[in-house]
Amino acid sequence: MEQYEFTSLLHDQEYGFSLTPPDITELKQKDIPIVLLVHLHSTTFDACSLFRHLHESMDATSLHIIAYTDKQHDHEGIHRAKSLGVKYVCTKEQVKGLLVHIQKTVS
């Protein structure tokens, strides 16, 4: 249910949106910058396995991962994500703020 909270903040016409991990082969073929929002503690897939696979498979310049956590003081999760190449780890509230800002900017 965690991921559904962001659906109202994303315009379907402007942004792709999926609740499951993307197909790596399809991502590689796109000639646009890609930003993935990933919940560190998702119950539908293993986020760390996804980070590892993306880090090994993708060109770092075309992919930007924003991982977020809803746990207080999630030092272990943050360290694990950063060790797998994730540059940005935020709280859920920070991601909501970012999405609201983007929505206002493009509207």
PDB file of N, CA and C in Angstrom:
ATOM      1  N   MET A   1       0.815  -1.197   0.000  1.00  0.00           N
ATOM      2  CA  MET A   1       0.000   0.000   0.000  1.00  0.00           C
ATOM      3  C   MET A   1       0.862   1.266   0.000  1.00  0.00           C
ATOM      4  N   GLU A   2       2.069   1.172   0.481  1.00  0.00           N
ATOM      5  CA  GLU A   2       2.965   2.319   0.587  1.00  0.00           C
ATOM      6  C   GLU A   2       3.085   3.081  -0.732  1.00  0.00           C
ATOM      7  N   GLN A   3       3.308   2.384  -1.832  1.00  0.00           N
ATOM      8  CA  GLN A   3       3.569   3.029  -3.103  1.00  0.00           C
ATOM      9  C   GLN A   3       2.347   3.788  -3.636  1.00  0.00           C
ATOM     10  N   TYR A   4       1.150   3.349  -3.301  1.00  0.00           N
ATOM     11  CA  TYR A   4      -0.053   3.992  -3.814  1.00  0.00           C
ATOM     12  C   TYR A   4      -0.188   5.437  -3.357  1.00  0.00           C
ATOM     13  N   GLU A   5       0.455   5.812  -2.278  1.00  0.00           N
ATOM     14  CA  GLU A   5       0.350   7.174  -1.764  1.00  0.00           C
ATOM     15  C   GLU A   5       0.845   8.208  -2.770  1.00  0.00           C
ATOM     16  N   PHE A   6       1.719   7.833  -3.674  1.00  0.00           N
ATOM     17  CA  PHE A   6       2.302   8.783  -4.607  1.00  0.00           C
ATOM     18  C   PHE A   6       1.533   8.896  -5.915  1.00  0.00           C
ATOM     19  N   THR A   7       0.567   8.033  -6.164  1.00  0.00           N
ATOM     20  CA  THR A   7      -0.114   8.041  -7.462  1.00  0.00           C
ATOM     21  C   THR A   7      -0.811   9.362  -7.745  1.00  0.00           C
ATOM     22  N   SER A   8      -1.366  10.004  -6.735  1.00  0.00           N
ATOM     23  CA  SER A   8      -2.058  11.275  -6.969  1.00  0.00           C
ATOM     24  C   SER A   8      -1.086  12.411  -7.273  1.00  0.00           C
ATOM     25  N   LEU A   9       0.181  12.231  -6.985  1.00  0.00           N
ATOM     26  CA  LEU A   9       1.180  13.277  -7.225  1.00  0.00           C
ATOM     27  C   LEU A   9       1.863  13.147  -8.580  1.00  0.00           C
ATOM     28  N   LEU A  10       1.527  12.122  -9.325  1.00  0.00           N
ATOM     29  CA  LEU A  10       2.158  11.902 -10.628  1.00  0.00           C
ATOM     30  C   LEU A  10       1.116  12.023 -11.735  1.00  0.00           C
ATOM     31  N   HIS A  11       1.440  12.786 -12.774  1.00  0.00           N
ATOM     32  CA  HIS A  11       0.555  12.912 -13.926  1.00  0.00           C
ATOM     33  C   HIS A  11       0.822  11.748 -14.866  1.00  0.00           C
ATOM     34  N   ASP A  12      -0.188  10.960 -15.152  1.00  0.00           N
ATOM     35  CA  ASP A  12      -0.005   9.800 -16.029  1.00  0.00           C
ATOM     36  C   ASP A  12       0.462  10.199 -17.428  1.00  0.00           C
ATOM     37  N   GLN A  13       0.058  11.375 -17.903  1.00  0.00           N
ATOM     38  CA  GLN A  13       0.434  11.797 -19.243  1.00  0.00           C
ATOM     39  C   GLN A  13       1.918  12.163 -19.333  1.00  0.00           C
ATOM     40  N   GLU A  14       2.478  12.617 -18.232  1.00  0.00           N
ATOM     41  CA  GLU A  14       3.843  13.128 -18.273  1.00  0.00           C
ATOM     42  C   GLU A  14       4.888  12.163 -17.736  1.00  0.00           C
ATOM     43  N   TYR A  15       4.494  11.297 -16.830  1.00  0.00           N
ATOM     44  CA  TYR A  15       5.454  10.422 -16.178  1.00  0.00           C
ATOM     45  C   TYR A  15       4.987   8.977 -16.265  1.00  0.00           C
ATOM     46  N   GLY A  16       5.926   8.068 -16.435  1.00  0.00           N
ATOM     47  CA  GLY A  16       5.595   6.657 -16.334  1.00  0.00           C
ATOM     48  C   GLY A  16       5.476   6.295 -14.866  1.00  0.00           C
ATOM     49  N   PHE A  17       4.638   5.346 -14.555  1.00  0.00           N
ATOM     50  CA  PHE A  17       4.443   4.975 -13.157  1.00  0.00           C
ATOM     51  C   PHE A  17       4.161   3.486 -13.082  1.00  0.00           C
ATOM     52  N   SER A  18       4.866   2.800 -12.214  1.00  0.00           N
ATOM     53  CA  SER A  18       4.661   1.368 -12.037  1.00  0.00           C
ATOM     54  C   SER A  18       4.893   1.025 -10.580  1.00  0.00           C
ATOM     55  N   LEU A  19       4.134   0.067 -10.087  1.00  0.00           N
ATOM     56  CA  LEU A  19       4.322  -0.376  -8.713  1.00  0.00           C
ATOM     57  C   LEU A  19       5.283  -1.555  -8.631  1.00  0.00           C
ATOM     58  N   THR A  20       5.703  -2.066  -9.763  1.00  0.00           N
ATOM     59  CA  THR A  20       6.657  -3.171  -9.789  1.00  0.00           C
ATOM     60  C   THR A  20       7.954  -2.687 -10.432  1.00  0.00           C
ATOM     61  N   PRO A  21       9.059  -3.370 -10.180  1.00  0.00           N
ATOM     62  CA  PRO A  21      10.343  -2.937 -10.760  1.00  0.00           C
ATOM     63  C   PRO A  21      10.289  -2.917 -12.282  1.00  0.00           C
ATOM     64  N   PRO A  22      10.962  -1.965 -12.899  1.00  0.00           N
ATOM     65  CA  PRO A  22      10.955  -1.858 -14.357  1.00  0.00           C
ATOM     66  C   PRO A  22      11.799  -2.942 -15.017  1.00  0.00           C
ATOM     67  N   ASP A  23      11.544  -3.169 -16.283  1.00  0.00           N
ATOM     68  CA  ASP A  23      12.334  -4.097 -17.089  1.00  0.00           C
ATOM     69  C   ASP A  23      13.646  -3.396 -17.445  1.00  0.00           C
ATOM     70  N   ILE A  24      14.758  -3.972 -17.020  1.00  0.00           N
ATOM     71  CA  ILE A  24      16.073  -3.347 -17.217  1.00  0.00           C
ATOM     72  C   ILE A  24      16.373  -3.171 -18.702  1.00  0.00           C
ATOM     73  N   THR A  25      16.056  -4.152 -19.516  1.00  0.00           N
ATOM     74  CA  THR A  25      16.318  -4.073 -20.955  1.00  0.00           C
ATOM     75  C   THR A  25      15.573  -2.900 -21.570  1.00  0.00           C
ATOM     76  N   GLU A  26      14.327  -2.704 -21.157  1.00  0.00           N
ATOM     77  CA  GLU A  26      13.528  -1.592 -21.672  1.00  0.00           C
ATOM     78  C   GLU A  26      14.112  -0.255 -21.226  1.00  0.00           C
ATOM     79  N   LEU A  27      14.562  -0.174 -19.986  1.00  0.00           N
ATOM     80  CA  LEU A  27      15.155   1.072 -19.497  1.00  0.00           C
ATOM     81  C   LEU A  27      16.401   1.439 -20.282  1.00  0.00           C
ATOM     82  N   LYS A  28      17.219   0.458 -20.608  1.00  0.00           N
ATOM     83  CA  LYS A  28      18.468   0.716 -21.329  1.00  0.00           C
ATOM     84  C   LYS A  28      18.213   1.307 -22.709  1.00  0.00           C
ATOM     85  N   GLN A  29      17.068   0.977 -23.307  1.00  0.00           N
ATOM     86  CA  GLN A  29      16.765   1.422 -24.668  1.00  0.00           C
ATOM     87  C   GLN A  29      16.238   2.853 -24.723  1.00  0.00           C
ATOM     88  N   LYS A  30      15.812   3.390 -23.622  1.00  0.00           N
ATOM     89  CA  LYS A  30      15.261   4.748 -23.605  1.00  0.00           C
ATOM     90  C   LYS A  30      16.399   5.761 -23.649  1.00  0.00           C
ATOM     91  N   ASP A  31      16.191   6.802 -24.413  1.00  0.00           N
ATOM     92  CA  ASP A  31      17.210   7.837 -24.569  1.00  0.00           C
ATOM     93  C   ASP A  31      16.833   9.081 -23.769  1.00  0.00           C
ATOM     94  N   ILE A  32      16.375   8.871 -22.549  1.00  0.00           N
ATOM     95  CA  ILE A  32      15.977   9.970 -21.673  1.00  0.00           C
ATOM     96  C   ILE A  32      16.507   9.677 -20.271  1.00  0.00           C
ATOM     97  N   PRO A  33      16.700  10.709 -19.478  1.00  0.00           N
ATOM     98  CA  PRO A  33      17.091  10.464 -18.080  1.00  0.00           C
ATOM     99  C   PRO A  33      15.940   9.764 -17.348  1.00  0.00           C
ATOM    100  N   ILE A  34      16.271   8.832 -16.503  1.00  0.00           N
ATOM    101  CA  ILE A  34      15.263   8.057 -15.783  1.00  0.00           C
ATOM    102  C   ILE A  34      15.483   8.241 -14.287  1.00  0.00           C
ATOM    103  N   VAL A  35      14.405   8.554 -13.585  1.00  0.00           N
ATOM    104  CA  VAL A  35      14.442   8.682 -12.136  1.00  0.00           C
ATOM    105  C   VAL A  35      13.512   7.627 -11.562  1.00  0.00           C
ATOM    106  N   LEU A  36      14.048   6.792 -10.689  1.00  0.00           N
ATOM    107  CA  LEU A  36      13.243   5.766 -10.034  1.00  0.00           C
ATOM    108  C   LEU A  36      13.073   6.115  -8.562  1.00  0.00           C
ATOM    109  N   LEU A  37      11.839   6.086  -8.094  1.00  0.00           N
ATOM    110  CA  LEU A  37      11.549   6.206  -6.668  1.00  0.00           C
ATOM    111  C   LEU A  37      11.350   4.799  -6.150  1.00  0.00           C
ATOM    112  N   VAL A  38      12.136   4.411  -5.178  1.00  0.00           N
ATOM    113  CA  VAL A  38      12.081   3.033  -4.684  1.00  0.00           C
ATOM    114  C   VAL A  38      11.942   3.038  -3.167  1.00  0.00           C
ATOM    115  N   HIS A  39      10.954   2.328  -2.699  1.00  0.00           N
ATOM    116  CA  HIS A  39      10.763   2.181  -1.251  1.00  0.00           C
ATOM    117  C   HIS A  39      11.747   1.124  -0.753  1.00  0.00           C
ATOM    118  N   LEU A  40      12.596   1.485   0.195  1.00  0.00           N
ATOM    119  CA  LEU A  40      13.627   0.571   0.700  1.00  0.00           C
ATOM    120  C   LEU A  40      13.054  -0.705   1.300  1.00  0.00           C
ATOM    121  N   HIS A  41      11.863  -0.609   1.846  1.00  0.00           N
ATOM    122  CA  HIS A  41      11.287  -1.756   2.539  1.00  0.00           C
ATOM    123  C   HIS A  41      10.014  -2.239   1.846  1.00  0.00           C
ATOM    124  N   SER A  42      10.041  -2.224   0.537  1.00  0.00           N
ATOM    125  CA  SER A  42       8.891  -2.667  -0.245  1.00  0.00           C
ATOM    126  C   SER A  42       8.556  -4.121   0.078  1.00  0.00           C
ATOM    127  N   THR A  43       7.291  -4.415   0.109  1.00  0.00           N
ATOM    128  CA  THR A  43       6.866  -5.798   0.352  1.00  0.00           C
ATOM    129  C   THR A  43       6.630  -6.549  -0.953  1.00  0.00           C
ATOM    130  N   THR A  44       6.646  -5.844  -2.087  1.00  0.00           N
ATOM    131  CA  THR A  44       6.369  -6.492  -3.363  1.00  0.00           C
ATOM    132  C   THR A  44       7.621  -6.940  -4.111  1.00  0.00           C
ATOM    133  N   PHE A  45       8.796  -6.449  -3.704  1.00  0.00           N
ATOM    134  CA  PHE A  45      10.059  -6.875  -4.326  1.00  0.00           C
ATOM    135  C   PHE A  45      11.206  -6.523  -3.388  1.00  0.00           C
ATOM    136  N   ASP A  46      12.367  -7.100  -3.643  1.00  0.00           N
ATOM    137  CA  ASP A  46      13.555  -6.836  -2.832  1.00  0.00           C
ATOM    138  C   ASP A  46      14.305  -5.641  -3.416  1.00  0.00           C
ATOM    139  N   ALA A  47      14.225  -4.502  -2.743  1.00  0.00           N
ATOM    140  CA  ALA A  47      14.832  -3.275  -3.244  1.00  0.00           C
ATOM    141  C   ALA A  47      16.344  -3.409  -3.416  1.00  0.00           C
ATOM    142  N   CYS A  48      17.015  -4.056  -2.492  1.00  0.00           N
ATOM    143  CA  CYS A  48      18.479  -4.182  -2.586  1.00  0.00           C
ATOM    144  C   CYS A  48      18.902  -5.017  -3.793  1.00  0.00           C
ATOM    145  N   SER A  49      18.155  -6.037  -4.103  1.00  0.00           N
ATOM    146  CA  SER A  49      18.455  -6.818  -5.307  1.00  0.00           C
ATOM    147  C   SER A  49      18.274  -5.954  -6.555  1.00  0.00           C
ATOM    148  N   LEU A  50      17.230  -5.126  -6.559  1.00  0.00           N
ATOM    149  CA  LEU A  50      17.012  -4.214  -7.685  1.00  0.00           C
ATOM    150  C   LEU A  50      18.167  -3.224  -7.797  1.00  0.00           C
ATOM    151  N   PHE A  51      18.600  -2.630  -6.687  1.00  0.00           N
ATOM    152  CA  PHE A  51      19.720  -1.681  -6.713  1.00  0.00           C
ATOM    153  C   PHE A  51      20.982  -2.342  -7.259  1.00  0.00           C
ATOM    154  N   ARG A  52      21.250  -3.536  -6.787  1.00  0.00           N
ATOM    155  CA  ARG A  52      22.452  -4.268  -7.230  1.00  0.00           C
ATOM    156  C   ARG A  52      22.393  -4.518  -8.730  1.00  0.00           C
ATOM    157  N   HIS A  53      21.258  -4.981  -9.200  1.00  0.00           N
ATOM    158  CA  HIS A  53      21.098  -5.299 -10.615  1.00  0.00           C
ATOM    159  C   HIS A  53      21.191  -4.026 -11.472  1.00  0.00           C
ATOM    160  N   LEU A  54      20.570  -2.950 -11.046  1.00  0.00           N
ATOM    161  CA  LEU A  54      20.633  -1.693 -11.791  1.00  0.00           C
ATOM    162  C   LEU A  54      22.051  -1.151 -11.817  1.00  0.00           C
ATOM    163  N   HIS A  55      22.741  -1.222 -10.704  1.00  0.00           N
ATOM    164  CA  HIS A  55      24.112  -0.719 -10.615  1.00  0.00           C
ATOM    165  C   HIS A  55      25.031  -1.480 -11.578  1.00  0.00           C
ATOM    166  N   GLU A  56      24.811  -2.770 -11.715  1.00  0.00           N
ATOM    167  CA  GLU A  56      25.639  -3.598 -12.596  1.00  0.00           C
ATOM    168  C   GLU A  56      25.249  -3.450 -14.062  1.00  0.00           C
ATOM    169  N   SER A  57      23.982  -3.103 -14.342  1.00  0.00           N
ATOM    170  CA  SER A  57      23.461  -3.148 -15.697  1.00  0.00           C
ATOM    171  C   SER A  57      23.346  -1.812 -16.415  1.00  0.00           C
ATOM    172  N   MET A  58      23.213  -0.731 -15.656  1.00  0.00           N
ATOM    173  CA  MET A  58      22.882   0.550 -16.279  1.00  0.00           C
ATOM    174  C   MET A  58      24.070   1.506 -16.294  1.00  0.00           C
ATOM    175  N   ASP A  59      24.039   2.409 -17.260  1.00  0.00           N
ATOM    176  CA  ASP A  59      24.976   3.517 -17.320  1.00  0.00           C
ATOM    177  C   ASP A  59      24.563   4.510 -16.229  1.00  0.00           C
ATOM    178  N   ALA A  60      25.461   4.824 -15.354  1.00  0.00           N
ATOM    179  CA  ALA A  60      25.142   5.657 -14.188  1.00  0.00           C
ATOM    180  C   ALA A  60      24.633   7.051 -14.566  1.00  0.00           C
ATOM    181  N   THR A  61      24.970   7.540 -15.759  1.00  0.00           N
ATOM    182  CA  THR A  61      24.552   8.889 -16.132  1.00  0.00           C
ATOM    183  C   THR A  61      23.089   8.954 -16.567  1.00  0.00           C
ATOM    184  N   SER A  62      22.492   7.843 -16.945  1.00  0.00           N
ATOM    185  CA  SER A  62      21.113   7.876 -17.440  1.00  0.00           C
ATOM    186  C   SER A  62      20.092   7.477 -16.383  1.00  0.00           C
ATOM    187  N   LEU A  63      20.540   7.017 -15.234  1.00  0.00           N
ATOM    188  CA  LEU A  63      19.633   6.519 -14.210  1.00  0.00           C
ATOM    189  C   LEU A  63      19.911   7.190 -12.873  1.00  0.00           C
ATOM    190  N   HIS A  64      18.843   7.690 -12.258  1.00  0.00           N
ATOM    191  CA  HIS A  64      18.940   8.316 -10.944  1.00  0.00           C
ATOM    192  C   HIS A  64      17.937   7.617 -10.033  1.00  0.00           C
ATOM    193  N   ILE A  65      18.415   7.086  -8.935  1.00  0.00           N
ATOM    194  CA  ILE A  65      17.549   6.375  -7.997  1.00  0.00           C
ATOM    195  C   ILE A  65      17.374   7.230  -6.749  1.00  0.00           C
ATOM    196  N   ILE A  66      16.120   7.424  -6.372  1.00  0.00           N
ATOM    197  CA  ILE A  66      15.802   8.052  -5.099  1.00  0.00           C
ATOM    198  C   ILE A  66      15.135   6.982  -4.255  1.00  0.00           C
ATOM    199  N   ALA A  67      15.853   6.519  -3.259  1.00  0.00           N
ATOM    200  CA  ALA A  67      15.280   5.526  -2.350  1.00  0.00           C
ATOM    201  C   ALA A  67      14.694   6.276  -1.161  1.00  0.00           C
ATOM    202  N   TYR A  68      13.627   5.735  -0.623  1.00  0.00           N
ATOM    203  CA  TYR A  68      13.043   6.379   0.551  1.00  0.00           C
ATOM    204  C   TYR A  68      12.640   5.337   1.575  1.00  0.00           C
ATOM    205  N   THR A  69      12.600   5.786   2.810  1.00  0.00           N
ATOM    206  CA  THR A  69      12.253   4.907   3.913  1.00  0.00           C
ATOM    207  C   THR A  69      11.201   5.585   4.774  1.00  0.00           C
ATOM    208  N   ASP A  70      10.341   4.787   5.363  1.00  0.00           N
ATOM    209  CA  ASP A  70       9.335   5.325   6.269  1.00  0.00           C
ATOM    210  C   ASP A  70       9.667   4.978   7.716  1.00  0.00           C
ATOM    211  N   LYS A  71      10.839   4.380   7.928  1.00  0.00           N
ATOM    212  CA  LYS A  71      11.268   4.015   9.282  1.00  0.00           C
ATOM    213  C   LYS A  71      12.104   5.139   9.887  1.00  0.00           C
ATOM    214  N   GLN A  72      11.905   5.398  11.155  1.00  0.00           N
ATOM    215  CA  GLN A  72      12.707   6.396  11.854  1.00  0.00           C
ATOM    216  C   GLN A  72      14.129   5.858  12.074  1.00  0.00           C
ATOM    217  N   HIS A  73      15.116   6.685  11.836  1.00  0.00           N
ATOM    218  CA  HIS A  73      16.521   6.340  12.100  1.00  0.00           C
ATOM    219  C   HIS A  73      16.903   5.010  11.437  1.00  0.00           C
ATOM    220  N   ASP A  74      16.619   4.891  10.157  1.00  0.00           N
ATOM    221  CA  ASP A  74      16.871   3.660   9.404  1.00  0.00           C
ATOM    222  C   ASP A  74      18.315   3.626   8.903  1.00  0.00           C
ATOM    223  N   HIS A  75      19.271   3.674   9.841  1.00  0.00           N
ATOM    224  CA  HIS A  75      20.686   3.727   9.471  1.00  0.00           C
ATOM    225  C   HIS A  75      21.117   2.499   8.678  1.00  0.00           C
ATOM    226  N   GLU A  76      20.637   1.324   9.044  1.00  0.00           N
ATOM    227  CA  GLU A  76      21.014   0.098   8.341  1.00  0.00           C
ATOM    228  C   GLU A  76      20.524   0.123   6.896  1.00  0.00           C
ATOM    229  N   GLY A  77      19.269   0.499   6.680  1.00  0.00           N
ATOM    230  CA  GLY A  77      18.713   0.562   5.328  1.00  0.00           C
ATOM    231  C   GLY A  77      19.411   1.595   4.470  1.00  0.00           C
ATOM    232  N   ILE A  78      19.677   2.753   5.048  1.00  0.00           N
ATOM    233  CA  ILE A  78      20.356   3.824   4.322  1.00  0.00           C
ATOM    234  C   ILE A  78      21.768   3.390   3.934  1.00  0.00           C
ATOM    235  N   HIS A  79      22.502   2.805   4.867  1.00  0.00           N
ATOM    236  CA  HIS A  79      23.867   2.336   4.581  1.00  0.00           C
ATOM    237  C   HIS A  79      23.862   1.271   3.482  1.00  0.00           C
ATOM    238  N   ARG A  80      22.925   0.338   3.570  1.00  0.00           N
ATOM    239  CA  ARG A  80      22.840  -0.731   2.569  1.00  0.00           C
ATOM    240  C   ARG A  80      22.575  -0.145   1.177  1.00  0.00           C
ATOM    241  N   ALA A  81      21.622   0.791   1.080  1.00  0.00           N
ATOM    242  CA  ALA A  81      21.297   1.406  -0.215  1.00  0.00           C
ATOM    243  C   ALA A  81      22.500   2.177  -0.761  1.00  0.00           C
ATOM    244  N   LYS A  82      23.150   2.952   0.076  1.00  0.00           N
ATOM    245  CA  LYS A  82      24.308   3.735  -0.374  1.00  0.00           C
ATOM    246  C   LYS A  82      25.455   2.830  -0.824  1.00  0.00           C
ATOM    247  N   SER A  83      25.641   1.703  -0.140  1.00  0.00           N
ATOM    248  CA  SER A  83      26.707   0.782  -0.523  1.00  0.00           C
ATOM    249  C   SER A  83      26.418   0.105  -1.866  1.00  0.00           C
ATOM    250  N   LEU A  84      25.163   0.152  -2.302  1.00  0.00           N
ATOM    251  CA  LEU A  84      24.776  -0.424  -3.591  1.00  0.00           C
ATOM    252  C   LEU A  84      24.646   0.639  -4.681  1.00  0.00           C
ATOM    253  N   GLY A  85      25.185   1.822  -4.437  1.00  0.00           N
ATOM    254  CA  GLY A  85      25.251   2.852  -5.467  1.00  0.00           C
ATOM    255  C   GLY A  85      24.123   3.862  -5.473  1.00  0.00           C
ATOM    256  N   VAL A  86      23.226   3.830  -4.513  1.00  0.00           N
ATOM    257  CA  VAL A  86      22.128   4.798  -4.462  1.00  0.00           C
ATOM    258  C   VAL A  86      22.664   6.100  -3.861  1.00  0.00           C
ATOM    259  N   LYS A  87      22.534   7.193  -4.615  1.00  0.00           N
ATOM    260  CA  LYS A  87      23.060   8.475  -4.141  1.00  0.00           C
ATOM    261  C   LYS A  87      22.098   9.185  -3.206  1.00  0.00           C
ATOM    262  N   TYR A  88      20.806   9.035  -3.444  1.00  0.00           N
ATOM    263  CA  TYR A  88      19.807   9.798  -2.699  1.00  0.00           C
ATOM    264  C   TYR A  88      18.919   8.872  -1.882  1.00  0.00           C
ATOM    265  N   VAL A  89      18.940   9.038  -0.580  1.00  0.00           N
ATOM    266  CA  VAL A  89      18.058   8.290   0.311  1.00  0.00           C
ATOM    267  C   VAL A  89      17.321   9.320   1.157  1.00  0.00           C
ATOM    268  N   CYS A  90      15.998   9.265   1.116  1.00  0.00           N
ATOM    269  CA  CYS A  90      15.167  10.276   1.759  1.00  0.00           C
ATOM    270  C   CYS A  90      14.140   9.626   2.677  1.00  0.00           C
ATOM    271  N   THR A  91      13.497  10.478   3.447  1.00  0.00           N
ATOM    272  CA  THR A  91      12.334  10.025   4.192  1.00  0.00           C
ATOM    273  C   THR A  91      11.127  10.097   3.262  1.00  0.00           C
ATOM    274  N   LYS A  92      10.069   9.439   3.650  1.00  0.00           N
ATOM    275  CA  LYS A  92       8.848   9.475   2.848  1.00  0.00           C
ATOM    276  C   LYS A  92       8.327  10.906   2.729  1.00  0.00           C
ATOM    277  N   GLU A  93       8.422  11.674   3.788  1.00  0.00           N
ATOM    278  CA  GLU A  93       7.940  13.062   3.765  1.00  0.00           C
ATOM    279  C   GLU A  93       8.766  13.919   2.806  1.00  0.00           C
ATOM    280  N   GLN A  94      10.076  13.676   2.732  1.00  0.00           N
ATOM    281  CA  GLN A  94      10.914  14.416   1.797  1.00  0.00           C
ATOM    282  C   GLN A  94      10.529  14.106   0.354  1.00  0.00           C
ATOM    283  N   VAL A  95      10.227  12.849   0.065  1.00  0.00           N
ATOM    284  CA  VAL A  95       9.814  12.465  -1.289  1.00  0.00           C
ATOM    285  C   VAL A  95       8.471  13.106  -1.625  1.00  0.00           C
ATOM    286  N   LYS A  96       7.546  13.108  -0.679  1.00  0.00           N
ATOM    287  CA  LYS A  96       6.257  13.765  -0.919  1.00  0.00           C
ATOM    288  C   LYS A  96       6.473  15.244  -1.238  1.00  0.00           C
ATOM    289  N   GLY A  97       7.336  15.898  -0.479  1.00  0.00           N
ATOM    290  CA  GLY A  97       7.638  17.307  -0.738  1.00  0.00           C
ATOM    291  C   GLY A  97       8.237  17.515  -2.117  1.00  0.00           C
ATOM    292  N   LEU A  98       9.147  16.643  -2.516  1.00  0.00           N
ATOM    293  CA  LEU A  98       9.758  16.721  -3.838  1.00  0.00           C
ATOM    294  C   LEU A  98       8.714  16.555  -4.930  1.00  0.00           C
ATOM    295  N   LEU A  99       7.837  15.579  -4.798  1.00  0.00           N
ATOM    296  CA  LEU A  99       6.816  15.342  -5.811  1.00  0.00           C
ATOM    297  C   LEU A  99       5.819  16.495  -5.903  1.00  0.00           C
ATOM    298  N   VAL A 100       5.453  17.048  -4.769  1.00  0.00           N
ATOM    299  CA  VAL A 100       4.556  18.212  -4.782  1.00  0.00           C
ATOM    300  C   VAL A 100       5.237  19.380  -5.490  1.00  0.00           C
ATOM    301  N   HIS A 101       6.521  19.591  -5.206  1.00  0.00           N
ATOM    302  CA  HIS A 101       7.279  20.665  -5.868  1.00  0.00           C
ATOM    303  C   HIS A 101       7.327  20.446  -7.379  1.00  0.00           C
ATOM    304  N   ILE A 102       7.605  19.232  -7.808  1.00  0.00           N
ATOM    305  CA  ILE A 102       7.642  18.921  -9.240  1.00  0.00           C
ATOM    306  C   ILE A 102       6.279  19.165  -9.875  1.00  0.00           C
ATOM    307  N   GLN A 103       5.243  18.712  -9.213  1.00  0.00           N
ATOM    308  CA  GLN A 103       3.889  18.870  -9.725  1.00  0.00           C
ATOM    309  C   GLN A 103       3.546  20.355  -9.916  1.00  0.00           C
ATOM    310  N   LYS A 104       3.899  21.188  -8.939  1.00  0.00           N
ATOM    311  CA  LYS A 104       3.629  22.620  -9.029  1.00  0.00           C
ATOM    312  C   LYS A 104       4.458  23.272 -10.146  1.00  0.00           C
ATOM    313  N   THR A 105       5.688  22.804 -10.294  1.00  0.00           N
ATOM    314  CA  THR A 105       6.590  23.385 -11.285  1.00  0.00           C
ATOM    315  C   THR A 105       6.122  23.116 -12.714  1.00  0.00           C
ATOM    316  N   VAL A 106       5.631  21.923 -12.974  1.00  0.00           N
ATOM    317  CA  VAL A 106       5.237  21.560 -14.336  1.00  0.00           C
ATOM    318  C   VAL A 106       3.797  21.902 -14.655  1.00  0.00           C
ATOM    319  N   SER A 107       3.033  22.277 -13.657  1.00  0.00           N
ATOM    320  CA  SER A 107       1.615  22.623 -13.905  1.00  0.00           C
ATOM    321  C   SER A 107       1.471  24.005 -14.465  1.00  0.00           C
TER     322      SER A 107
END
